[in-house]
Each structure stands twice: as structure tokens, then as C-alpha cells.
Amino acid sequence: MAAVPARQRCGSVSPRAKLPPCYYEGYLEKRGPKEKVSRRLWTCLCGNSLYFFNNAKDVHYVEKLDLGGFVSLKDDSSRDKNLEAARLILRMKDGETKLTAPNLESRELWKGFLYSVIDLNVPSCLTLLPGQLQMLKEVVDKERSRRRARNPGRAPPSPLSVPLVGEIPACFRPVSRTEAEVLLERHPDCGNMLLRPGRDGCSLAVTTRQDLNGSVFRHYRVTQRDQGGYVIDVENPIPCATLHEVIDALVERTAGTLQPFLLEEPYEENITYVSANDENGERILHTAPTSPLPKAPALPPKQDRWCSSPLSRSPVSDRRSRTSSPVPASPTNPMKRLVLSPSPLSQTLNEELKMTLEKRRVSQE
């Protein structure tokens, strides 16, 4: 029987009905830290715990695994006699539990439901269909509502509940003591010291993790002074002007052994959008193209009416060329008659002038 989403059960109230809401269920092979042989059990993810039954019809579970001590979840690449089987390693604070799903698709779904319940967030690193992602989103909403109803008077820690002075260090996390330990153990490469709100809501705390034949956690109270600044409450209190100096003091006094916890949040690598199919109305998740869209062809530059061709010339240059160059001597050219040919009146005056000059010359002789 393949794993299926939790279904509604009817009839008389059974011990299963008293369990938290079931989000996902199916057969898994389980081998705990102290077990030498795997057992095939019907597994139910109810609330924040895994419940194991001998078969799907049993009403009493044989084992329970609380996911509050979750550390990590990773694939197990070791081979199984069943070539289609896909293995998982669920690491908790008290040891490792090996799980085997019937196939790769089932393993991916189990990982999605487990991460959604543990982190209260839909994981983005898994290969799932849009419908499956929607199922995980609904599980996250239900689990958040269940936890709020279970602890109505308990507000989650928030940096706003503590009167902070100055800039907040990047290693600040609004988590509880237990959540801080899980974060540091789950991401050892991101640092081993984080700042968080104190349990009383009026102070801060620094949680550190080091490895000494296992994880060693330490918690240091940081209180705000009335005259300003902060103090690390140890045997010899360490005053600090800002929260940044609190972190720097711990780094310096441990010779750099303690380093701030800096966890980079995951970001999407592609742009996605949801659109509805015009034919059946189904909403589909699309990935936007990564290559830039082609640009529209640019219009040619507007040319001046005097520059219609590279061989054309401006009117000014034409006038200059006409005035500077001689007029061609052509009988049909009107400009030649206008400029070079003498008029009849000018000819008559020239003749009279010549005769007058001639008479004057003769009289003088």
C-alpha cells in the first residue's frame, strides 16, 4: 500500500482519534539507533510526531518518535535489496533513525511533509508538483493553528519584546533555547554562537555550541543596564556598550573559537508565476525564461530635407560654388548674355567717347 495523505475516519472514537491530526501516512521500513533489523511499519505523521503501527488497521501504535529533537534529514545512498527503495537518515538529538520508502517519489513526499511540520514552512529544495506543494502549504497552516491552540497564552519570542539599544547583530535569532540548540547543531558550518531573547522576555541570552565527544551547549545571560549598555552575567561581569560589543567580547575571550552564527536564507534561483489555463481553468506554476526578451528594432534616424542623399549639398555650398566658379561659355547660357555680352546703349557710348578723345587729340596737334 502506497503512502497517501491522511483521510477522514468515521465510526466510534478510537485511540487514533485521540492523536494529533494526521497529515500523511504510509508504510516505511524503520530501524532505530538500538535496532539491528528494520521493521516494516505503517507510519503516520500526526502533529509534530511520527507514530508507528504494525499495519494500517491497528488502532494502538507500537512506537512514537517526537520530532522536537530534530537535527537533520538527508538521503541515504546505500543500496537496498529492493532496487526501487529509497532510504532516509533522520537524525535526532538522541541518535539516528533509518527510514526506507518504497520509491524515490514517496521519499520526496515524506521529506516534504517532515520539513513542513518541523520548520513550519514549505521547503523549496524538493522536486514536487504544484498540487503537492499546495498540500504542504495546507499542512503548515494546520500545524501552526494547532500549536497556537495548544499554547494560547504563550507568545513566540520576538526581538520587539526586548528593549534593544543600537543595531542588532546579524547572529540574532528570535528562537527559544531549544530551537537555538537545534539550529547550531543542524548548521555547524554557519557558526557556533547566536544571540536570542531570554526566557523571561526582559533579557537576552547567548547560546554556544562546541564539540567535545558530542555537542556541548552553553547559555549566557545578557542584561541591559539602567545607565545604558549591556553586561554579560558571568562570575566576573563583562560590561559592553552595544550588542555588537557583546559578541566581539565573547569572540576575543575565546581566541576566536566562538564565531557568530550567520545562516543565509534560501533564495529562489528562477522567477516563477502562476497562471490559469483558459480551457480547463487549472492553475499552473510556470518558470519565467532566463534569456532576455528580444528588443524591438530601432527606427532609422530622421534625415534633414536638405540631406536626402550623401551626394547632396546644402544650398549655401551651392551658392558659394556658383559665385566662385566661372560661368561656362555656352551660347545657350542666359547667364553669359547677362554678365559678358554688352548692351547697344553701352556700345554707342563707347563709340562717342572714342570720337571725342580722337577730336581732342587732333586739336592739340
Protein backbone atom coordinates (compact mmCIF):
# COMPACT_ATOMS: atom_id res chain seq x y z
CA MET A 1 0.00 0.00 0.00
CA ALA A 2 1.45 3.32 -1.07
CA ALA A 3 1.68 6.32 1.18
CA VAL A 4 -1.36 8.57 0.98
CA PRO A 5 -2.44 11.85 2.52
CA ALA A 6 -4.37 11.48 5.75
CA ARG A 7 -8.02 10.57 5.24
CA GLN A 8 -11.02 11.26 7.41
CA ARG A 9 -12.06 8.33 9.56
CA CYS A 10 -15.62 7.74 10.77
CA GLY A 11 -17.22 5.44 13.30
CA SER A 12 -16.67 5.11 17.02
CA VAL A 13 -13.92 7.01 18.77
CA SER A 14 -10.69 5.00 18.67
CA PRO A 15 -7.29 5.59 20.23
CA ARG A 16 -6.16 7.01 16.89
CA ALA A 17 -8.81 9.71 17.12
CA LYS A 18 -7.10 10.98 20.27
CA LEU A 19 -3.85 11.57 18.39
CA PRO A 20 -2.99 14.93 16.80
CA PRO A 21 -4.28 15.44 13.24
CA CYS A 22 -2.68 13.07 10.75
CA TYR A 23 -1.08 14.84 7.79
CA TYR A 24 0.50 11.91 5.94
CA GLU A 25 0.71 8.13 6.31
CA GLY A 26 2.09 5.07 4.59
CA TYR A 27 4.41 2.09 5.00
CA LEU A 28 8.04 2.75 5.91
CA GLU A 29 10.84 0.44 6.95
CA LYS A 30 12.27 1.71 10.24
CA ARG A 31 15.47 0.93 12.11
CA GLY A 32 16.16 2.87 15.29
CA PRO A 33 19.52 3.65 16.91
CA LYS A 34 19.45 0.46 19.02
CA GLU A 35 17.82 -1.84 16.44
CA LYS A 36 19.78 -4.20 14.21
CA VAL A 37 16.97 -5.14 11.82
CA SER A 38 14.50 -2.93 10.00
CA ARG A 39 10.78 -3.39 10.50
CA ARG A 40 8.04 -2.55 8.01
CA LEU A 41 5.53 -0.39 9.89
CA TRP A 42 2.55 1.72 8.99
CA THR A 43 3.76 5.26 9.73
CA CYS A 44 1.59 8.28 10.48
CA LEU A 45 2.79 11.86 10.72
CA CYS A 46 0.44 13.24 13.39
CA GLY A 47 1.19 16.75 14.55
CA ASN A 48 4.88 17.01 15.29
CA SER A 49 5.44 13.26 15.85
CA LEU A 50 5.74 10.02 13.91
CA TYR A 51 3.51 7.16 15.13
CA PHE A 52 4.31 3.60 14.05
CA PHE A 53 1.69 0.83 13.78
CA ASN A 54 2.07 -2.83 12.83
CA ASN A 55 -0.41 -2.36 9.99
CA ALA A 56 -2.82 0.22 8.62
CA LYS A 57 -5.82 -1.14 10.59
CA ASP A 58 -4.25 -1.13 14.07
CA VAL A 59 -5.56 1.47 16.49
CA HIS A 60 -2.70 1.25 19.01
CA TYR A 61 0.71 2.47 17.96
CA VAL A 62 3.81 0.48 18.88
CA GLU A 63 6.33 3.37 18.75
CA LYS A 64 6.34 7.13 18.79
CA LEU A 65 9.09 9.45 17.58
CA ASP A 66 8.83 13.07 18.71
CA LEU A 67 10.30 15.41 16.11
CA GLY A 68 11.04 18.11 18.69
CA GLY A 69 14.63 16.85 18.87
CA PHE A 70 15.11 17.03 15.09
CA VAL A 71 18.64 17.74 13.88
CA SER A 72 18.82 16.83 10.19
CA LEU A 73 17.25 14.78 7.43
CA LYS A 74 19.28 13.50 4.50
CA ASP A 75 19.18 10.86 1.79
CA ASP A 76 20.97 7.55 2.31
CA SER A 77 22.68 6.46 -0.91
CA SER A 78 23.48 2.94 0.31
CA ARG A 79 21.98 0.20 -1.85
CA ASP A 80 18.99 -1.88 -0.81
CA LYS A 81 17.93 -5.34 -1.95
CA ASN A 82 14.87 -3.61 -3.36
CA LEU A 83 16.33 -1.52 -6.16
CA GLU A 84 13.36 0.87 -6.18
CA ALA A 85 13.56 1.58 -2.46
CA ALA A 86 14.81 4.98 -1.30
CA ARG A 87 16.42 5.44 2.11
CA LEU A 88 16.45 8.32 4.55
CA ILE A 89 18.51 9.11 7.64
CA LEU A 90 16.54 11.00 10.27
CA ARG A 91 19.00 12.36 12.79
CA MET A 92 17.64 13.30 16.22
CA LYS A 93 19.39 14.60 19.32
CA ASP A 94 19.34 11.09 20.81
CA GLY A 95 20.51 9.19 17.71
CA GLU A 96 19.79 8.30 14.10
CA THR A 97 16.73 6.54 12.72
CA LYS A 98 16.95 4.98 9.27
CA LEU A 99 13.78 5.01 7.18
CA THR A 100 13.18 3.34 3.83
CA ALA A 101 10.42 4.49 1.48
CA PRO A 102 9.02 2.31 -1.35
CA ASN A 103 10.40 4.58 -4.09
CA LEU A 104 12.02 7.94 -4.78
CA GLU A 105 8.72 9.76 -5.21
CA SER A 106 7.47 8.52 -1.85
CA ARG A 107 10.73 9.55 -0.17
CA GLU A 108 10.47 13.06 -1.62
CA LEU A 109 6.92 13.40 -0.30
CA TRP A 110 7.90 12.19 3.17
CA LYS A 111 10.71 14.73 3.23
CA GLY A 112 8.30 17.47 2.20
CA PHE A 113 5.80 16.67 4.95
CA LEU A 114 8.51 16.27 7.60
CA TYR A 115 10.19 19.57 6.75
CA SER A 116 6.83 21.36 6.63
CA VAL A 117 5.89 20.19 10.12
CA ILE A 118 9.34 20.74 11.65
CA ASP A 119 10.14 24.13 10.11
CA LEU A 120 6.53 25.32 9.66
CA ASN A 121 7.48 26.33 6.15
CA VAL A 122 7.08 24.74 2.73
CA PRO A 123 10.52 23.51 1.61
CA SER A 124 11.78 24.92 -1.69
CA CYS A 125 14.63 22.45 -2.23
CA LEU A 126 12.47 19.45 -3.20
CA THR A 127 11.16 18.28 -6.57
CA LEU A 128 7.40 18.35 -6.08
CA LEU A 129 4.36 19.08 -8.23
CA PRO A 130 2.24 22.22 -7.74
CA GLY A 131 -0.58 20.16 -6.22
CA GLN A 132 1.80 18.55 -3.74
CA LEU A 133 3.21 21.95 -2.75
CA GLN A 134 -0.33 23.14 -2.11
CA MET A 135 -0.88 20.14 0.19
CA LEU A 136 2.24 21.07 2.15
CA LYS A 137 1.06 24.66 2.49
CA GLU A 138 -2.21 23.46 3.99
CA VAL A 139 -0.29 21.24 6.43
CA VAL A 140 1.83 24.20 7.55
CA ASP A 141 -1.29 26.30 8.20
CA LYS A 142 -2.98 23.49 10.15
CA GLU A 143 0.08 22.78 12.27
CA ARG A 144 0.54 26.45 13.11
CA SER A 145 -3.10 26.67 14.19
CA ARG A 146 -2.75 23.51 16.27
CA ARG A 147 0.28 24.82 18.12
CA ARG A 148 -1.34 28.19 18.78
CA ALA A 149 -4.43 26.46 20.18
CA ARG A 150 -2.29 24.19 22.36
CA ASN A 151 -0.37 27.13 23.90
CA PRO A 152 -2.77 30.09 23.69
CA GLY A 153 -1.08 32.08 26.47
CA ARG A 154 2.45 31.66 25.19
CA ALA A 155 3.63 34.24 22.71
CA PRO A 156 6.59 33.39 20.49
CA PRO A 157 9.81 35.18 21.38
CA SER A 158 10.30 38.38 19.45
CA PRO A 159 13.11 40.92 19.34
CA LEU A 160 10.50 43.62 19.89
CA SER A 161 9.70 42.27 23.36
CA VAL A 162 13.21 43.22 24.48
CA PRO A 163 14.20 46.92 24.59
CA LEU A 164 17.30 46.73 22.42
CA VAL A 165 19.81 49.55 22.12
CA GLY A 166 21.72 50.20 18.90
CA GLU A 167 21.95 47.91 15.90
CA ILE A 168 21.08 44.24 16.27
CA PRO A 169 23.89 41.82 15.36
CA ALA A 170 23.37 39.54 12.37
CA CYS A 171 23.61 36.48 14.63
CA PHE A 172 20.41 37.44 16.49
CA ARG A 173 17.61 34.85 16.11
CA PRO A 174 14.11 35.12 17.65
CA VAL A 175 14.15 31.49 18.86
CA SER A 176 13.86 29.64 22.15
CA ARG A 177 16.67 27.88 23.97
CA THR A 178 15.84 24.50 22.45
CA GLU A 179 15.40 25.92 18.95
CA ALA A 180 18.77 27.68 19.25
CA GLU A 181 20.47 24.37 20.11
CA VAL A 182 18.83 22.67 17.14
CA LEU A 183 19.89 25.47 14.79
CA LEU A 184 23.51 25.36 15.92
CA GLU A 185 23.67 21.58 15.70
CA ARG A 186 21.94 21.42 12.35
CA HIS A 187 24.21 24.04 10.73
CA PRO A 188 27.67 23.67 12.30
CA ASP A 189 29.36 25.35 9.31
CA CYS A 190 27.44 28.62 9.85
CA GLY A 191 28.94 29.44 13.26
CA ASN A 192 28.59 28.24 16.84
CA MET A 193 27.20 31.26 18.72
CA LEU A 194 23.89 33.09 18.40
CA LEU A 195 22.06 35.81 20.28
CA ARG A 196 18.41 35.25 21.21
CA PRO A 197 15.69 36.58 23.52
CA GLY A 198 15.83 35.40 27.14
CA ARG A 199 13.15 33.15 28.54
CA ASP A 200 11.84 35.88 30.88
CA GLY A 201 11.28 38.30 27.98
CA CYS A 202 13.26 41.04 29.77
CA SER A 203 16.79 39.96 28.92
CA LEU A 204 18.85 38.40 26.16
CA ALA A 205 20.92 35.24 26.01
CA VAL A 206 23.86 33.90 24.03
CA THR A 207 23.78 30.21 23.13
CA THR A 208 27.00 28.49 22.07
CA ARG A 209 27.79 25.01 20.79
CA GLN A 210 31.14 23.19 20.77
CA ASP A 211 32.07 19.61 20.00
CA LEU A 212 33.62 17.53 22.79
CA ASN A 213 32.74 13.89 22.16
CA GLY A 214 29.35 15.26 21.20
CA SER A 215 27.59 18.61 21.32
CA VAL A 216 28.26 20.82 24.35
CA PHE A 217 25.86 23.75 24.72
CA ARG A 218 26.32 26.78 26.95
CA HIS A 219 23.90 29.66 27.63
CA TYR A 220 24.94 33.11 28.88
CA ARG A 221 22.53 35.75 30.13
CA VAL A 222 22.89 39.28 28.76
CA THR A 223 21.03 42.04 30.65
CA GLN A 224 20.57 45.71 29.92
CA ARG A 225 21.97 48.18 32.43
CA ASP A 226 19.96 51.10 33.77
CA GLN A 227 22.73 53.54 32.89
CA GLY A 228 22.89 52.19 29.33
CA GLY A 229 24.66 49.37 27.60
CA TYR A 230 24.70 45.67 28.44
CA VAL A 231 26.51 43.26 30.71
CA ILE A 232 27.32 39.57 30.28
CA ASP A 233 26.25 37.97 33.57
CA VAL A 234 29.15 35.66 34.42
CA GLU A 235 31.25 35.33 37.56
CA ASN A 236 33.17 38.45 36.57
CA PRO A 237 30.54 40.52 34.71
CA ILE A 238 31.65 41.91 31.34
CA PRO A 239 30.19 45.36 30.56
CA CYS A 240 29.56 46.20 26.91
CA ALA A 241 28.25 49.37 25.31
CA THR A 242 26.33 47.64 22.49
CA LEU A 243 25.19 44.17 21.49
CA HIS A 244 27.93 44.09 18.87
CA GLU A 245 30.47 44.51 21.67
CA VAL A 246 28.83 41.58 23.49
CA ILE A 247 29.53 39.31 20.53
CA ASP A 248 33.03 40.75 20.00
CA ALA A 249 33.90 40.21 23.68
CA LEU A 250 32.97 36.52 23.52
CA VAL A 251 34.96 36.06 20.31
CA GLU A 252 38.04 37.77 21.78
CA ARG A 253 37.95 35.97 25.14
CA THR A 254 37.76 32.57 23.43
CA ALA A 255 40.59 33.40 20.97
CA GLY A 256 38.19 33.16 18.04
CA THR A 257 36.83 29.73 18.99
CA LEU A 258 33.31 31.14 19.20
CA GLN A 259 32.06 32.60 15.93
CA PRO A 260 28.74 34.34 15.21
CA PHE A 261 26.04 32.17 13.66
CA LEU A 262 25.26 33.51 10.18
CA LEU A 263 22.70 31.43 8.32
CA GLU A 264 21.96 32.51 4.79
CA GLU A 265 18.28 32.23 3.99
CA PRO A 266 17.46 30.36 0.78
CA TYR A 267 16.51 32.43 -2.24
CA GLU A 268 14.87 31.35 -5.46
CA GLU A 269 17.14 30.87 -8.47
CA ASN A 270 14.38 31.35 -11.06
CA ILE A 271 11.39 33.65 -11.42
CA THR A 272 8.10 31.73 -11.22
CA TYR A 273 4.49 32.76 -11.65
CA VAL A 274 1.06 31.11 -11.55
CA SER A 275 -1.41 31.36 -14.40
CA ALA A 276 -4.77 29.74 -15.17
CA ASN A 277 -5.38 27.52 -18.17
CA ASP A 278 -8.02 29.11 -20.44
CA GLU A 279 -9.52 25.74 -21.36
CA ASN A 280 -9.95 23.94 -18.02
CA GLY A 281 -9.20 26.72 -15.51
CA GLU A 282 -6.38 24.74 -13.87
CA ARG A 283 -3.72 26.91 -12.25
CA ILE A 284 -0.18 26.02 -13.27
CA LEU A 285 3.18 27.16 -11.93
CA HIS A 286 5.45 28.45 -14.69
CA THR A 287 9.12 29.39 -14.76
CA ALA A 288 9.93 32.65 -16.47
CA PRO A 289 12.53 32.48 -19.27
CA THR A 290 16.05 33.29 -18.19
CA SER A 291 17.21 34.80 -21.51
CA PRO A 292 16.35 38.48 -22.08
CA LEU A 293 13.42 39.24 -24.33
CA PRO A 294 14.33 40.42 -27.89
CA LYS A 295 14.33 44.18 -28.30
CA ALA A 296 12.21 45.94 -30.91
CA PRO A 297 14.21 47.10 -33.98
CA ALA A 298 15.31 50.72 -33.71
CA LEU A 299 13.86 53.23 -36.19
CA PRO A 300 16.31 54.89 -38.60
CA PRO A 301 17.30 58.45 -37.66
CA LYS A 302 15.19 61.21 -39.19
CA GLN A 303 17.12 62.86 -42.06
CA ASP A 304 17.06 66.56 -42.87
CA ARG A 305 15.26 67.55 -46.07
CA TRP A 306 18.48 69.13 -47.38
CA CYS A 307 20.44 65.90 -46.73
CA SER A 308 18.40 63.33 -48.62
CA SER A 309 21.49 61.62 -50.02
CA PRO A 310 25.18 61.55 -49.21
CA LEU A 311 25.89 63.26 -52.54
CA SER A 312 23.55 66.20 -51.96
CA ARG A 313 24.90 69.55 -50.89
CA SER A 314 23.44 72.35 -48.83
CA PRO A 315 22.06 75.48 -50.55
CA VAL A 316 24.78 77.60 -49.01
CA SER A 317 27.54 75.48 -50.51
CA ASP A 318 25.73 75.52 -53.85
CA ARG A 319 25.58 79.30 -53.82
CA ARG A 320 29.27 79.53 -52.88
CA SER A 321 30.23 77.19 -55.68
CA ARG A 322 28.21 79.17 -58.19
CA THR A 323 29.72 82.53 -57.23
CA SER A 324 33.29 81.30 -57.06
CA SER A 325 33.35 79.26 -60.25
CA PRO A 326 33.34 80.90 -63.71
CA VAL A 327 30.19 80.77 -65.82
CA PRO A 328 30.60 78.29 -68.68
CA ALA A 329 30.93 79.95 -72.08
CA SER A 330 27.88 78.49 -73.76
CA PRO A 331 25.78 80.43 -76.32
CA THR A 332 22.67 78.97 -74.81
CA ASN A 333 23.56 80.05 -71.30
CA PRO A 334 21.48 83.14 -70.30
CA MET A 335 23.93 84.00 -67.55
CA LYS A 336 26.62 84.53 -70.18
CA ARG A 337 24.50 87.10 -72.02
CA LEU A 338 23.63 88.82 -68.77
CA VAL A 339 27.17 89.14 -67.47
CA LEU A 340 29.50 89.24 -70.56
CA SER A 341 27.50 90.48 -73.60
CA PRO A 342 27.46 94.40 -73.87
CA SER A 343 24.16 96.14 -74.44
CA PRO A 344 23.53 98.53 -77.54
CA LEU A 345 23.49 101.61 -75.32
CA SER A 346 26.92 100.78 -73.92
CA GLN A 347 28.29 100.29 -77.42
CA THR A 348 27.01 103.74 -78.55
CA LEU A 349 28.55 105.50 -75.56
CA ASN A 350 31.87 103.79 -76.18
CA GLU A 351 31.91 104.98 -79.80
CA GLU A 352 31.06 108.57 -78.84
CA LEU A 353 33.76 108.56 -76.20
CA LYS A 354 36.29 107.36 -78.72
CA MET A 355 35.36 110.09 -81.23
CA THR A 356 35.59 112.83 -78.58
CA LEU A 357 39.02 111.65 -77.50
CA GLU A 358 40.13 111.49 -81.11
CA LYS A 359 38.99 115.13 -81.84
CA ARG A 360 40.76 116.39 -78.73
CA ARG A 361 43.98 114.68 -79.76
CA VAL A 362 43.79 116.23 -83.28
CA SER A 363 43.13 119.75 -81.98
CA GLN A 364 46.07 119.55 -79.68
CA GLU A 365 48.34 118.65 -82.55
